[in-house]
Amino acid sequence: MNLIYDKIKQHQKGDVSLAKADGSFVLGTDNFNGYIKGNAELLSASGHAEFEFENDRFAIGLGGEATGVNVSYSAGVSFLEYDNGGDKGNLFGIQGGPKLDAGVSANFSLSGEKA
């Protein structure tokens, strides 16, 4: 018995990568210090599927890609640390830093040959 899906060839391809790093550097004492904190995460995933039919004369492809990049760092100064029964903090301090994020894409392809 010949069904239509017996005549369809399919090809899939995909990959995923992940990297993550965190770090901090503190210079000073509990009562007066300067610090730098950083965080970087990178996630990339892509995939593509192609379906050929009619003796490889036509092909339809679907694909997608997602890239999530989250990079942030902060630098600051803090002083006069307090400890109020386990609730730690600083009376004075300032910090700031940039942050970056990223996005998603998708694609579609259609090809064919004349008889």
PDB file of N, CA and C in Angstrom:
ATOM      1  N   MET A   1       0.845  -1.174   0.000  1.00  0.00           N
ATOM      2  CA  MET A   1       0.000   0.000   0.000  1.00  0.00           C
ATOM      3  C   MET A   1       0.888   1.233   0.000  1.00  0.00           C
ATOM      4  N   ASN A   2       0.689   2.113  -0.978  1.00  0.00           N
ATOM      5  CA  ASN A   2       1.467   3.342  -1.087  1.00  0.00           C
ATOM      6  C   ASN A   2       0.673   4.509  -0.526  1.00  0.00           C
ATOM      7  N   LEU A   3       1.142   5.054   0.554  1.00  0.00           N
ATOM      8  CA  LEU A   3       0.524   6.241   1.128  1.00  0.00           C
ATOM      9  C   LEU A   3       1.384   7.445   0.808  1.00  0.00           C
ATOM     10  N   ILE A   4       0.823   8.633   0.883  1.00  0.00           N
ATOM     11  CA  ILE A   4       1.549   9.842   0.507  1.00  0.00           C
ATOM     12  C   ILE A   4       2.776  10.064   1.379  1.00  0.00           C
ATOM     13  N   TYR A   5       2.700   9.714   2.669  1.00  0.00           N
ATOM     14  CA  TYR A   5       3.861   9.962   3.520  1.00  0.00           C
ATOM     15  C   TYR A   5       5.004   9.009   3.220  1.00  0.00           C
ATOM     16  N   ASP A   6       4.760   7.924   2.462  1.00  0.00           N
ATOM     17  CA  ASP A   6       5.857   7.059   2.034  1.00  0.00           C
ATOM     18  C   ASP A   6       6.752   7.750   1.018  1.00  0.00           C
ATOM     19  N   LYS A   7       6.245   8.777   0.328  1.00  0.00           N
ATOM     20  CA  LYS A   7       6.992   9.468  -0.723  1.00  0.00           C
ATOM     21  C   LYS A   7       7.601  10.783  -0.248  1.00  0.00           C
ATOM     22  N   ILE A   8       7.512  11.091   1.037  1.00  0.00           N
ATOM     23  CA  ILE A   8       8.060  12.338   1.580  1.00  0.00           C
ATOM     24  C   ILE A   8       9.353  12.029   2.311  1.00  0.00           C
ATOM     25  N   LYS A   9      10.402  12.755   1.936  1.00  0.00           N
ATOM     26  CA  LYS A   9      11.681  12.642   2.646  1.00  0.00           C
ATOM     27  C   LYS A   9      11.774  13.826   3.598  1.00  0.00           C
ATOM     28  N   GLN A  10      12.346  13.593   4.737  1.00  0.00           N
ATOM     29  CA  GLN A  10      12.506  14.690   5.687  1.00  0.00           C
ATOM     30  C   GLN A  10      13.929  14.748   6.207  1.00  0.00           C
ATOM     31  N   HIS A  11      14.385  15.975   6.444  1.00  0.00           N
ATOM     32  CA  HIS A  11      15.722  16.227   6.985  1.00  0.00           C
ATOM     33  C   HIS A  11      15.564  17.226   8.122  1.00  0.00           C
ATOM     34  N   GLN A  12      16.177  16.930   9.266  1.00  0.00           N
ATOM     35  CA  GLN A  12      16.142  17.844  10.395  1.00  0.00           C
ATOM     36  C   GLN A  12      17.570  18.160  10.840  1.00  0.00           C
ATOM     37  N   LYS A  13      17.722  19.383  11.313  1.00  0.00           N
ATOM     38  CA  LYS A  13      19.019  19.816  11.824  1.00  0.00           C
ATOM     39  C   LYS A  13      18.764  20.780  12.974  1.00  0.00           C
ATOM     40  N   GLY A  14      19.512  20.645  14.044  1.00  0.00           N
ATOM     41  CA  GLY A  14      19.337  21.555  15.167  1.00  0.00           C
ATOM     42  C   GLY A  14      20.542  21.540  16.084  1.00  0.00           C
ATOM     43  N   ASP A  15      20.683  22.620  16.840  1.00  0.00           N
ATOM     44  CA  ASP A  15      21.758  22.675  17.827  1.00  0.00           C
ATOM     45  C   ASP A  15      21.376  23.621  18.956  1.00  0.00           C
ATOM     46  N   VAL A  16      21.977  23.383  20.126  1.00  0.00           N
ATOM     47  CA  VAL A  16      21.737  24.191  21.319  1.00  0.00           C
ATOM     48  C   VAL A  16      23.075  24.433  22.004  1.00  0.00           C
ATOM     49  N   SER A  17      23.287  25.655  22.455  1.00  0.00           N
ATOM     50  CA  SER A  17      24.496  25.932  23.236  1.00  0.00           C
ATOM     51  C   SER A  17      24.132  26.815  24.426  1.00  0.00           C
ATOM     52  N   LEU A  18      24.874  26.636  25.507  1.00  0.00           N
ATOM     53  CA  LEU A  18      24.607  27.359  26.738  1.00  0.00           C
ATOM     54  C   LEU A  18      25.917  27.683  27.440  1.00  0.00           C
ATOM     55  N   ALA A  19      26.045  28.900  27.873  1.00  0.00           N
ATOM     56  CA  ALA A  19      27.218  29.306  28.659  1.00  0.00           C
ATOM     57  C   ALA A  19      26.748  30.282  29.735  1.00  0.00           C
ATOM     58  N   LYS A  20      27.334  30.206  30.924  1.00  0.00           N
ATOM     59  CA  LYS A  20      26.956  31.083  32.019  1.00  0.00           C
ATOM     60  C   LYS A  20      28.182  31.388  32.866  1.00  0.00           C
ATOM     61  N   ALA A  21      28.322  32.637  33.281  1.00  0.00           N
ATOM     62  CA  ALA A  21      29.443  33.028  34.142  1.00  0.00           C
ATOM     63  C   ALA A  21      28.974  34.100  35.120  1.00  0.00           C
ATOM     64  N   ASP A  22      29.416  34.005  36.361  1.00  0.00           N
ATOM     65  CA  ASP A  22      29.147  34.990  37.407  1.00  0.00           C
ATOM     66  C   ASP A  22      30.453  35.322  38.093  1.00  0.00           C
ATOM     67  N   GLY A  23      30.562  36.537  38.576  1.00  0.00           N
ATOM     68  CA  GLY A  23      31.766  36.891  39.314  1.00  0.00           C
ATOM     69  C   GLY A  23      31.575  38.164  40.115  1.00  0.00           C
ATOM     70  N   SER A  24      32.403  38.337  41.120  1.00  0.00           N
ATOM     71  CA  SER A  24      32.371  39.567  41.908  1.00  0.00           C
ATOM     72  C   SER A  24      33.760  39.838  42.472  1.00  0.00           C
ATOM     73  N   PHE A  25      34.016  41.099  42.700  1.00  0.00           N
ATOM     74  CA  PHE A  25      35.287  41.531  43.263  1.00  0.00           C
ATOM     75  C   PHE A  25      34.986  42.628  44.278  1.00  0.00           C
ATOM     76  N   VAL A  26      35.469  42.476  45.490  1.00  0.00           N
ATOM     77  CA  VAL A  26      35.243  43.451  46.559  1.00  0.00           C
ATOM     78  C   VAL A  26      36.595  43.891  47.094  1.00  0.00           C
ATOM     79  N   LEU A  27      36.754  45.206  47.256  1.00  0.00           N
ATOM     80  CA  LEU A  27      37.980  45.764  47.805  1.00  0.00           C
ATOM     81  C   LEU A  27      37.602  46.677  48.958  1.00  0.00           C
ATOM     82  N   GLY A  28      38.101  46.375  50.157  1.00  0.00           N
ATOM     83  CA  GLY A  28      37.804  47.205  51.319  1.00  0.00           C
ATOM     84  C   GLY A  28      37.415  46.366  52.515  1.00  0.00           C
ATOM     85  N   THR A  29      36.770  47.007  53.477  1.00  0.00           N
ATOM     86  CA  THR A  29      36.326  46.347  54.705  1.00  0.00           C
ATOM     87  C   THR A  29      34.796  46.274  54.714  1.00  0.00           C
ATOM     88  N   ASP A  30      34.244  45.721  55.797  1.00  0.00           N
ATOM     89  CA  ASP A  30      32.786  45.674  55.924  1.00  0.00           C
ATOM     90  C   ASP A  30      32.179  47.066  56.010  1.00  0.00           C
ATOM     91  N   ASN A  31      32.907  48.015  56.604  1.00  0.00           N
ATOM     92  CA  ASN A  31      32.363  49.353  56.791  1.00  0.00           C
ATOM     93  C   ASN A  31      32.588  50.287  55.603  1.00  0.00           C
ATOM     94  N   PHE A  32      33.537  49.971  54.732  1.00  0.00           N
ATOM     95  CA  PHE A  32      33.754  50.813  53.557  1.00  0.00           C
ATOM     96  C   PHE A  32      34.371  49.949  52.466  1.00  0.00           C
ATOM     97  N   ASN A  33      33.689  49.832  51.329  1.00  0.00           N
ATOM     98  CA  ASN A  33      34.233  49.009  50.262  1.00  0.00           C
ATOM     99  C   ASN A  33      33.738  49.461  48.893  1.00  0.00           C
ATOM    100  N   GLY A  34      34.453  49.014  47.889  1.00  0.00           N
ATOM    101  CA  GLY A  34      34.049  49.174  46.502  1.00  0.00           C
ATOM    102  C   GLY A  34      33.916  47.785  45.894  1.00  0.00           C
ATOM    103  N   TYR A  35      32.995  47.628  44.962  1.00  0.00           N
ATOM    104  CA  TYR A  35      32.787  46.299  44.407  1.00  0.00           C
ATOM    105  C   TYR A  35      32.383  46.369  42.931  1.00  0.00           C
ATOM    106  N   ILE A  36      32.625  45.263  42.264  1.00  0.00           N
ATOM    107  CA  ILE A  36      32.185  45.060  40.887  1.00  0.00           C
ATOM    108  C   ILE A  36      31.567  43.663  40.831  1.00  0.00           C
ATOM    109  N   LYS A  37      30.366  43.566  40.283  1.00  0.00           N
ATOM    110  CA  LYS A  37      29.683  42.281  40.125  1.00  0.00           C
ATOM    111  C   LYS A  37      29.304  42.125  38.660  1.00  0.00           C
ATOM    112  N   GLY A  38      29.434  40.909  38.147  1.00  0.00           N
ATOM    113  CA  GLY A  38      29.096  40.660  36.749  1.00  0.00           C
ATOM    114  C   GLY A  38      28.359  39.352  36.558  1.00  0.00           C
ATOM    115  N   ASN A  39      27.535  39.310  35.513  1.00  0.00           N
ATOM    116  CA  ASN A  39      26.764  38.123  35.186  1.00  0.00           C
ATOM    117  C   ASN A  39      26.631  38.058  33.667  1.00  0.00           C
ATOM    118  N   ALA A  40      26.899  36.902  33.080  1.00  0.00           N
ATOM    119  CA  ALA A  40      26.730  36.718  31.639  1.00  0.00           C
ATOM    120  C   ALA A  40      26.084  35.363  31.388  1.00  0.00           C
ATOM    121  N   GLU A  41      25.016  35.361  30.612  1.00  0.00           N
ATOM    122  CA  GLU A  41      24.345  34.127  30.217  1.00  0.00           C
ATOM    123  C   GLU A  41      24.148  34.168  28.708  1.00  0.00           C
ATOM    124  N   LEU A  42      24.387  33.059  28.041  1.00  0.00           N
ATOM    125  CA  LEU A  42      24.204  32.975  26.602  1.00  0.00           C
ATOM    126  C   LEU A  42      23.510  31.666  26.289  1.00  0.00           C
ATOM    127  N   LEU A  43      22.360  31.741  25.664  1.00  0.00           N
ATOM    128  CA  LEU A  43      21.620  30.556  25.238  1.00  0.00           C
ATOM    129  C   LEU A  43      21.275  30.739  23.780  1.00  0.00           C
ATOM    130  N   SER A  44      21.644  29.784  22.967  1.00  0.00           N
ATOM    131  CA  SER A  44      21.352  29.836  21.547  1.00  0.00           C
ATOM    132  C   SER A  44      20.784  28.495  21.124  1.00  0.00           C
ATOM    133  N   ALA A  45      19.666  28.534  20.430  1.00  0.00           N
ATOM    134  CA  ALA A  45      19.047  27.306  19.926  1.00  0.00           C
ATOM    135  C   ALA A  45      18.553  27.567  18.512  1.00  0.00           C
ATOM    136  N   SER A  46      18.828  26.644  17.606  1.00  0.00           N
ATOM    137  CA  SER A  46      18.337  26.789  16.235  1.00  0.00           C
ATOM    138  C   SER A  46      17.923  25.430  15.709  1.00  0.00           C
ATOM    139  N   GLY A  47      16.996  25.446  14.781  1.00  0.00           N
ATOM    140  CA  GLY A  47      16.531  24.207  14.179  1.00  0.00           C
ATOM    141  C   GLY A  47      15.953  24.461  12.809  1.00  0.00           C
ATOM    142  N   HIS A  48      16.034  23.470  11.941  1.00  0.00           N
ATOM    143  CA  HIS A  48      15.484  23.578  10.598  1.00  0.00           C
ATOM    144  C   HIS A  48      15.012  22.191  10.168  1.00  0.00           C
ATOM    145  N   ALA A  49      13.851  22.143   9.572  1.00  0.00           N
ATOM    146  CA  ALA A  49      13.307  20.889   9.047  1.00  0.00           C
ATOM    147  C   ALA A  49      12.926  21.123   7.591  1.00  0.00           C
ATOM    148  N   GLU A  50      13.278  20.196   6.735  1.00  0.00           N
ATOM    149  CA  GLU A  50      12.954  20.309   5.317  1.00  0.00           C
ATOM    150  C   GLU A  50      12.250  19.028   4.881  1.00  0.00           C
ATOM    151  N   PHE A  51      11.192  19.184   4.124  1.00  0.00           N
ATOM    152  CA  PHE A  51      10.401  18.058   3.631  1.00  0.00           C
ATOM    153  C   PHE A  51      10.424  18.088   2.108  1.00  0.00           C
ATOM    154  N   GLU A  52      10.894  17.007   1.481  1.00  0.00           N
ATOM    155  CA  GLU A  52      10.956  16.895   0.026  1.00  0.00           C
ATOM    156  C   GLU A  52       9.913  15.879  -0.422  1.00  0.00           C
ATOM    157  N   PHE A  53       9.272  16.148  -1.556  1.00  0.00           N
ATOM    158  CA  PHE A  53       8.288  15.218  -2.081  1.00  0.00           C
ATOM    159  C   PHE A  53       8.240  15.309  -3.603  1.00  0.00           C
ATOM    160  N   GLU A  54       7.455  14.427  -4.225  1.00  0.00           N
ATOM    161  CA  GLU A  54       7.359  14.310  -5.687  1.00  0.00           C
ATOM    162  C   GLU A  54       8.730  14.070  -6.308  1.00  0.00           C
ATOM    163  N   ASN A  55       9.402  13.009  -5.901  1.00  0.00           N
ATOM    164  CA  ASN A  55      10.728  12.638  -6.423  1.00  0.00           C
ATOM    165  C   ASN A  55      11.749  13.767  -6.283  1.00  0.00           C
ATOM    166  N   ASP A  56      11.765  14.420  -5.153  1.00  0.00           N
ATOM    167  CA  ASP A  56      12.705  15.500  -4.820  1.00  0.00           C
ATOM    168  C   ASP A  56      12.529  16.738  -5.703  1.00  0.00           C
ATOM    169  N   ARG A  57      11.369  16.919  -6.324  1.00  0.00           N
ATOM    170  CA  ARG A  57      11.140  18.083  -7.170  1.00  0.00           C
ATOM    171  C   ARG A  57      10.692  19.288  -6.357  1.00  0.00           C
ATOM    172  N   PHE A  58      10.100  19.100  -5.199  1.00  0.00           N
ATOM    173  CA  PHE A  58       9.613  20.199  -4.372  1.00  0.00           C
ATOM    174  C   PHE A  58      10.130  20.030  -2.948  1.00  0.00           C
ATOM    175  N   ALA A  59      10.315  21.162  -2.276  1.00  0.00           N
ATOM    176  CA  ALA A  59      10.767  21.124  -0.879  1.00  0.00           C
ATOM    177  C   ALA A  59      10.128  22.267  -0.106  1.00  0.00           C
ATOM    178  N   ILE A  60       9.755  21.976   1.117  1.00  0.00           N
ATOM    179  CA  ILE A  60       9.237  22.981   2.040  1.00  0.00           C
ATOM    180  C   ILE A  60      10.111  22.922   3.284  1.00  0.00           C
ATOM    181  N   GLY A  61      10.556  24.077   3.740  1.00  0.00           N
ATOM    182  CA  GLY A  61      11.407  24.118   4.927  1.00  0.00           C
ATOM    183  C   GLY A  61      10.859  25.064   5.980  1.00  0.00           C
ATOM    184  N   LEU A  62      11.022  24.697   7.222  1.00  0.00           N
ATOM    185  CA  LEU A  62      10.632  25.515   8.358  1.00  0.00           C
ATOM    186  C   LEU A  62      11.809  25.576   9.321  1.00  0.00           C
ATOM    187  N   GLY A  63      12.058  26.748   9.863  1.00  0.00           N
ATOM    188  CA  GLY A  63      13.176  26.866  10.787  1.00  0.00           C
ATOM    189  C   GLY A  63      12.936  27.947  11.812  1.00  0.00           C
ATOM    190  N   GLY A  64      13.752  27.950  12.816  1.00  0.00           N
ATOM    191  CA  GLY A  64      13.643  28.964  13.852  1.00  0.00           C
ATOM    192  C   GLY A  64      14.941  29.082  14.623  1.00  0.00           C
ATOM    193  N   GLU A  65      15.106  30.221  15.256  1.00  0.00           N
ATOM    194  CA  GLU A  65      16.299  30.470  16.056  1.00  0.00           C
ATOM    195  C   GLU A  65      15.927  31.341  17.237  1.00  0.00           C
ATOM    196  N   ALA A  66      16.449  31.014  18.388  1.00  0.00           N
ATOM    197  CA  ALA A  66      16.244  31.820  19.588  1.00  0.00           C
ATOM    198  C   ALA A  66      17.602  32.073  20.221  1.00  0.00           C
ATOM    199  N   THR A  67      17.876  33.313  20.477  1.00  0.00           N
ATOM    200  CA  THR A  67      19.123  33.678  21.137  1.00  0.00           C
ATOM    201  C   THR A  67      18.787  34.536  22.339  1.00  0.00           C
ATOM    202  N   GLY A  68      19.121  34.056  23.490  1.00  0.00           N
ATOM    203  CA  GLY A  68      18.892  34.816  24.700  1.00  0.00           C
ATOM    204  C   GLY A  68      20.232  35.199  25.303  1.00  0.00           C
ATOM    205  N   VAL A  69      20.579  36.438  25.210  1.00  0.00           N
ATOM    206  CA  VAL A  69      21.831  36.928  25.779  1.00  0.00           C
ATOM    207  C   VAL A  69      21.472  37.868  26.914  1.00  0.00           C
ATOM    208  N   ASN A  70      21.982  37.604  28.057  1.00  0.00           N
ATOM    209  CA  ASN A  70      21.737  38.459  29.208  1.00  0.00           C
ATOM    210  C   ASN A  70      23.083  38.777  29.826  1.00  0.00           C
ATOM    211  N   VAL A  71      23.552  39.972  29.582  1.00  0.00           N
ATOM    212  CA  VAL A  71      24.840  40.405  30.124  1.00  0.00           C
ATOM    213  C   VAL A  71      24.581  41.613  31.014  1.00  0.00           C
ATOM    214  N   SER A  72      25.059  41.559  32.233  1.00  0.00           N
ATOM    215  CA  SER A  72      24.888  42.697  33.134  1.00  0.00           C
ATOM    216  C   SER A  72      26.092  42.791  34.065  1.00  0.00           C
ATOM    217  N   TYR A  73      26.376  43.993  34.458  1.00  0.00           N
ATOM    218  CA  TYR A  73      27.380  44.181  35.498  1.00  0.00           C
ATOM    219  C   TYR A  73      27.021  45.431  36.277  1.00  0.00           C
ATOM    220  N   SER A  74      27.479  45.488  37.485  1.00  0.00           N
ATOM    221  CA  SER A  74      27.260  46.668  38.310  1.00  0.00           C
ATOM    222  C   SER A  74      28.527  46.951  39.098  1.00  0.00           C
ATOM    223  N   ALA A  75      28.709  48.193  39.381  1.00  0.00           N
ATOM    224  CA  ALA A  75      29.842  48.633  40.191  1.00  0.00           C
ATOM    225  C   ALA A  75      29.295  49.613  41.216  1.00  0.00           C
ATOM    226  N   GLY A  76      29.896  49.654  42.365  1.00  0.00           N
ATOM    227  CA  GLY A  76      29.397  50.565  43.378  1.00  0.00           C
ATOM    228  C   GLY A  76      30.303  50.682  44.581  1.00  0.00           C
ATOM    229  N   VAL A  77      29.853  51.507  45.482  1.00  0.00           N
ATOM    230  CA  VAL A  77      30.555  51.760  46.738  1.00  0.00           C
ATOM    231  C   VAL A  77      29.517  51.681  47.848  1.00  0.00           C
ATOM    232  N   SER A  78      29.880  51.038  48.963  1.00  0.00           N
ATOM    233  CA  SER A  78      28.984  51.001  50.111  1.00  0.00           C
ATOM    234  C   SER A  78      29.797  51.226  51.377  1.00  0.00           C
ATOM    235  N   PHE A  79      29.142  51.813  52.390  1.00  0.00           N
ATOM    236  CA  PHE A  79      29.824  52.006  53.662  1.00  0.00           C
ATOM    237  C   PHE A  79      28.823  52.053  54.800  1.00  0.00           C
ATOM    238  N   LEU A  80      29.350  51.870  55.986  1.00  0.00           N
ATOM    239  CA  LEU A  80      28.602  51.790  57.236  1.00  0.00           C
ATOM    240  C   LEU A  80      27.596  50.634  57.201  1.00  0.00           C
ATOM    241  N   GLU A  81      28.143  49.411  57.218  1.00  0.00           N
ATOM    242  CA  GLU A  81      27.318  48.200  57.224  1.00  0.00           C
ATOM    243  C   GLU A  81      26.663  48.029  58.588  1.00  0.00           C
ATOM    244  N   TYR A  82      25.429  47.504  58.582  1.00  0.00           N
ATOM    245  CA  TYR A  82      24.747  47.205  59.839  1.00  0.00           C
ATOM    246  C   TYR A  82      24.218  45.769  59.815  1.00  0.00           C
ATOM    247  N   ASP A  83      23.985  45.227  61.013  1.00  0.00           N
ATOM    248  CA  ASP A  83      23.416  43.896  61.171  1.00  0.00           C
ATOM    249  C   ASP A  83      22.321  43.991  62.223  1.00  0.00           C
ATOM    250  N   ASN A  84      21.080  43.909  61.799  1.00  0.00           N
ATOM    251  CA  ASN A  84      19.942  44.063  62.697  1.00  0.00           C
ATOM    252  C   ASN A  84      19.272  42.700  62.892  1.00  0.00           C
ATOM    253  N   GLY A  85      19.862  41.852  63.702  1.00  0.00           N
ATOM    254  CA  GLY A  85      19.289  40.533  63.965  1.00  0.00           C
ATOM    255  C   GLY A  85      19.205  39.652  62.729  1.00  0.00           C
ATOM    256  N   GLY A  86      20.253  39.610  61.936  1.00  0.00           N
ATOM    257  CA  GLY A  86      20.267  38.798  60.718  1.00  0.00           C
ATOM    258  C   GLY A  86      19.916  39.565  59.463  1.00  0.00           C
ATOM    259  N   ASP A  87      19.337  40.754  59.603  1.00  0.00           N
ATOM    260  CA  ASP A  87      19.023  41.603  58.457  1.00  0.00           C
ATOM    261  C   ASP A  87      20.212  42.531  58.206  1.00  0.00           C
ATOM    262  N   LYS A  88      21.064  42.144  57.214  1.00  0.00           N
ATOM    263  CA  LYS A  88      22.268  42.923  56.941  1.00  0.00           C
ATOM    264  C   LYS A  88      22.029  43.916  55.818  1.00  0.00           C
ATOM    265  N   GLY A  89      22.736  45.022  55.893  1.00  0.00           N
ATOM    266  CA  GLY A  89      22.631  46.042  54.854  1.00  0.00           C
ATOM    267  C   GLY A  89      23.658  47.119  55.063  1.00  0.00           C
ATOM    268  N   ASN A  90      23.590  48.152  54.226  1.00  0.00           N
ATOM    269  CA  ASN A  90      24.489  49.303  54.329  1.00  0.00           C
ATOM    270  C   ASN A  90      23.654  50.562  54.500  1.00  0.00           C
ATOM    271  N   LEU A  91      24.137  51.455  55.344  1.00  0.00           N
ATOM    272  CA  LEU A  91      23.431  52.716  55.532  1.00  0.00           C
ATOM    273  C   LEU A  91      23.560  53.607  54.298  1.00  0.00           C
ATOM    274  N   PHE A  92      24.708  53.563  53.639  1.00  0.00           N
ATOM    275  CA  PHE A  92      24.930  54.395  52.463  1.00  0.00           C
ATOM    276  C   PHE A  92      25.550  53.551  51.355  1.00  0.00           C
ATOM    277  N   GLY A  93      25.215  53.865  50.147  1.00  0.00           N
ATOM    278  CA  GLY A  93      25.812  53.157  49.024  1.00  0.00           C
ATOM    279  C   GLY A  93      25.257  53.662  47.708  1.00  0.00           C
ATOM    280  N   ILE A  94      25.997  53.389  46.648  1.00  0.00           N
ATOM    281  CA  ILE A  94      25.560  53.740  45.308  1.00  0.00           C
ATOM    282  C   ILE A  94      26.062  52.669  44.350  1.00  0.00           C
ATOM    283  N   GLN A  95      25.246  52.333  43.363  1.00  0.00           N
ATOM    284  CA  GLN A  95      25.647  51.334  42.382  1.00  0.00           C
ATOM    285  C   GLN A  95      24.984  51.650  41.050  1.00  0.00           C
ATOM    286  N   GLY A  96      25.517  51.089  40.002  1.00  0.00           N
ATOM    287  CA  GLY A  96      24.937  51.264  38.677  1.00  0.00           C
ATOM    288  C   GLY A  96      25.655  50.390  37.681  1.00  0.00           C
ATOM    289  N   GLY A  97      25.033  50.196  36.531  1.00  0.00           N
ATOM    290  CA  GLY A  97      25.640  49.395  35.479  1.00  0.00           C
ATOM    291  C   GLY A  97      24.646  49.074  34.384  1.00  0.00           C
ATOM    292  N   PRO A  98      25.136  48.681  33.203  1.00  0.00           N
ATOM    293  CA  PRO A  98      24.260  48.376  32.066  1.00  0.00           C
ATOM    294  C   PRO A  98      23.771  46.937  32.047  1.00  0.00           C
ATOM    295  N   LYS A  99      22.781  46.688  31.195  1.00  0.00           N
ATOM    296  CA  LYS A  99      22.232  45.350  30.990  1.00  0.00           C
ATOM    297  C   LYS A  99      21.864  45.219  29.516  1.00  0.00           C
ATOM    298  N   LEU A 100      22.007  44.010  28.942  1.00  0.00           N
ATOM    299  CA  LEU A 100      21.736  43.757  27.535  1.00  0.00           C
ATOM    300  C   LEU A 100      20.927  42.470  27.397  1.00  0.00           C
ATOM    301  N   ASP A 101      19.887  42.469  26.562  1.00  0.00           N
ATOM    302  CA  ASP A 101      19.083  41.274  26.289  1.00  0.00           C
ATOM    303  C   ASP A 101      18.975  41.077  24.772  1.00  0.00           C
ATOM    304  N   ALA A 102      18.478  39.910  24.298  1.00  0.00           N
ATOM    305  CA  ALA A 102      18.336  39.650  22.859  1.00  0.00           C
ATOM    306  C   ALA A 102      17.052  38.886  22.545  1.00  0.00           C
ATOM    307  N   GLY A 103      16.853  38.427  21.244  1.00  0.00           N
ATOM    308  CA  GLY A 103      15.542  37.956  20.803  1.00  0.00           C
ATOM    309  C   GLY A 103      15.414  36.659  20.021  1.00  0.00           C
ATOM    310  N   VAL A 104      14.377  36.585  19.147  1.00  0.00           N
ATOM    311  CA  VAL A 104      13.925  35.361  18.475  1.00  0.00           C
ATOM    312  C   VAL A 104      13.687  35.635  16.994  1.00  0.00           C
ATOM    313  N   SER A 105      13.902  34.610  16.117  1.00  0.00           N
ATOM    314  CA  SER A 105      13.580  34.745  14.697  1.00  0.00           C
ATOM    315  C   SER A 105      13.034  33.429  14.165  1.00  0.00           C
ATOM    316  N   ALA A 106      12.349  33.489  13.019  1.00  0.00           N
ATOM    317  CA  ALA A 106      11.797  32.291  12.384  1.00  0.00           C
ATOM    318  C   ALA A 106      11.937  32.440  10.881  1.00  0.00           C
ATOM    319  N   ASN A 107      11.994  31.305  10.144  1.00  0.00           N
ATOM    320  CA  ASN A 107      12.102  31.384   8.694  1.00  0.00           C
ATOM    321  C   ASN A 107      11.284  30.267   8.040  1.00  0.00           C
ATOM    322  N   PHE A 108      10.966  30.486   6.773  1.00  0.00           N
ATOM    323  CA  PHE A 108      10.175  29.551   5.985  1.00  0.00           C
ATOM    324  C   PHE A 108      10.759  29.524   4.572  1.00  0.00           C
ATOM    325  N   SER A 109      10.880  28.353   3.970  1.00  0.00           N
ATOM    326  CA  SER A 109      11.370  28.288   2.599  1.00  0.00           C
ATOM    327  C   SER A 109      10.502  27.333   1.780  1.00  0.00           C
ATOM    328  N   LEU A 110      10.398  27.622   0.475  1.00  0.00           N
ATOM    329  CA  LEU A 110       9.632  26.817  -0.439  1.00  0.00           C
ATOM    330  C   LEU A 110      10.398  26.800  -1.750  1.00  0.00           C
ATOM    331  N   SER A 111      10.664  25.619  -2.288  1.00  0.00           N
ATOM    332  CA  SER A 111      11.385  25.555  -3.553  1.00  0.00           C
ATOM    333  C   SER A 111      10.800  24.445  -4.415  1.00  0.00           C
ATOM    334  N   GLY A 112      11.031  24.541  -5.723  1.00  0.00           N
ATOM    335  CA  GLY A 112      10.518  23.534  -6.625  1.00  0.00           C
ATOM    336  C   GLY A 112      11.213  23.596  -7.980  1.00  0.00           C
ATOM    337  N   GLU A 113      11.050  22.537  -8.750  1.00  0.00           N
ATOM    338  CA  GLU A 113      11.606  22.462 -10.110  1.00  0.00           C
ATOM    339  C   GLU A 113      10.457  22.338 -11.093  1.00  0.00           C
ATOM    340  N   LYS A 114      10.684  22.844 -12.301  1.00  0.00           N
ATOM    341  CA  LYS A 114       9.698  22.649 -13.363  1.00  0.00           C
ATOM    342  C   LYS A 114       9.851  21.253 -13.944  1.00  0.00           C
ATOM    343  N   ALA A 115       8.740  20.690 -14.371  1.00  0.00           N
ATOM    344  CA  ALA A 115       8.776  19.336 -14.935  1.00  0.00           C
ATOM    345  C   ALA A 115       9.402  19.337 -16.317  1.00  0.00           C
TER     346      ALA A 115
END
